[in-house]
Amino acid sequence: MPVEVINPQSLRQTRTYFQASIATGTRLICLAGQAGVDATGQVVGKDDLSTQTEQAYKNIHNAMRELGASFTDIVKLTVYVPNLSPEDMQPLIEGAERAGASLGFDMRRPLTLVGVNALANPDWLVEVEAMALAEAAS
């Protein structure tokens, strides 16, 4: 496995993500931020952070597969949420967990959650970018 995710014992232990990843692959994949939109660009779950998060994670999963990688190859995620508040945590976690459960992947990766003023589209409630390290394509 090219990416091992861990929670070092010296850091706070979390249930919803890992603190670190150790990557040994040969191909770096940087995926631009994915929002809660379908393949035609239509917003999925307008005004619903959980549904948009689920769609963003599904988009990442599908893109990784198309690029010859998988969600388990992801080294780091960065999640951007406009006007982030503590109340946003539960819908973010629920959406990511639903995506993982429906598509059969562990959604927990090292991640950074960033509150921002706005995203590119005012209907977007979340944007998730991914960095992965995978084995060379065959």
Foldseek 3Di string as FASTA:
>chain_A
DQKDFAAPPVDDDDDQAGAFIHGDADDKDKFFWFWQADPVRHHDPFVQLLNRLLSRLLVVQVVQVVVVHGLRQWGEKEKEFEPDDPVSVVSNSNSQVVNCVVVVHRSHHNYHYYYDNDDPDNRTGMIMITMGGHHDDD
